Amino acid sequence: MNTGTSKPHYGYIDCVRGYAVLMVMTGHFAYLFPNLPYPVHRLAVMGWYGVQLFFIASCVTLLMSWDFETRTQGRASISAFFMRRFFRIAPAYYLAGALYFVISPPSGGFDLAQALATMAFVNIWHPLLTPTVAGRWDVVPGGWSIGVEFTFYLLFPWFASLVRSWRGVGLVLLATLAIGVVADRAALTLLSGSYTGPAVRDFLFFWFPNEASVFACGGVLYLLMRRMDTGRPGAARLGAPTAVALGAAVWFFALTFVPLGHFLGDRPFLPVSLAVCAPLTLFVLAMSQIPRGFLVSRYAAAMGKVSFSAYLLHFAVLQGLRLVPSIYHADATGYGAILAFALTWPVAALLTFGAAWCSYHLIERPGMALGKTVIARRRGYAVARAS
């Protein structure tokens, strides 16, 4: 971790984000091939949990930035933090909603309440808004994770004040687990009479109380990385980090066929969103110790740089591919389906990267620049008033 005066940038974090979005894309891409052999399908859809990798990486990078601002400026500005996060996320997110409304209009027409809930990032607090109820308008596919992220942002200043010691992060982890179990069980009882079982169970997987402990795991990772900071004397080191990272990946995919709960309080008791955190945390920790190599590559970093737009737009790419199933032999079976999957996946990844690169440069970067301008002007007004 950097202790200088320039805000640090870590290439391996970009790589982690790149792998995360490729995982998510792979999980959804598998459904283009309905006859993919079941074991291969199961391995592919483990990519869904790339979202948890995003959450862990997001937590770590926010804690790094918060620590840097505190060290260099004496304290971190909460208002500037919120504005940076809004201008980082909202422009591309809102425009993605407009895009999907045009290319995949909702069957029930425009729903103002649904649109406002999505724009306000509160769409993860009810099955109708997430939505997990069939027939509802999904304003931005995958938008549930953005709602979870923004809820974490609201709690982040408090979270950062606690995650400074092992005792603090342990308390946060235990608290998020306990609250998650209680909230999930209460919501299960409350909602089961009004909505179908799948709708309720999927909602309980997506909503923030069930995912909060994933961010707590990010706090654990942050403290581990501080102990292994190569810029500090006597820092601990991870032996053979590339082998450890690969071992963590094997561990992660081995969970494919382990019976796990769908949410906290479900049976089996260990939920999948928490079970994957151990190998994913170890993977990021190992990546932080690899100076260069095939895992820390410029290609993964390039995808990671545009990963937010890639996450938003890969659904549109896959929707486009669904229009031409004969081109990539979507009806293939057995080994033919595996081959078709393997040959089409790079095409989907490249199309997603191209769309995301354009979105990043045309939408994300101007949005971030606007946020910096707004923050700078507010600080200028504050200085002027103080003088």
Foldseek 3Di string as FASTA:
>chain_A
DDPDLDQDDDLLLLLLLLLLLLLCLQLVLLVLFVFEPPLVNLLSVLSVLSLLLVLLSVLLVVLSVQVSCCNNPVGDDLVLLVLLVCLLAQFLQLVLLVVCCVVPNQPVHDDPVLSVCLNVLNQLPDCLNVPLAPRHDPSFVVSLSVSLVVVCSVCVVVLSVQLPDPVSLVVQLVVLLVQLQVVLVVQCVVCPVPGPPRSSLVSSLRHNSQQVNSSSLSSVLNVLVVQQPPVDPPRDADPPLVVQLVVLVVVSSVCSPPDAACTCNGPVRHHNSNVNSVSSSSNSSSSSRDPDDPSSDPVSSLSSVLSSQLNRCLVVLSVVCSVPSVVLVSHDHDVSSVVSSVVCSVVSVVVSSVRSVCCCVVTSVVSSVVSVVVVVVVVVVVVVVVD
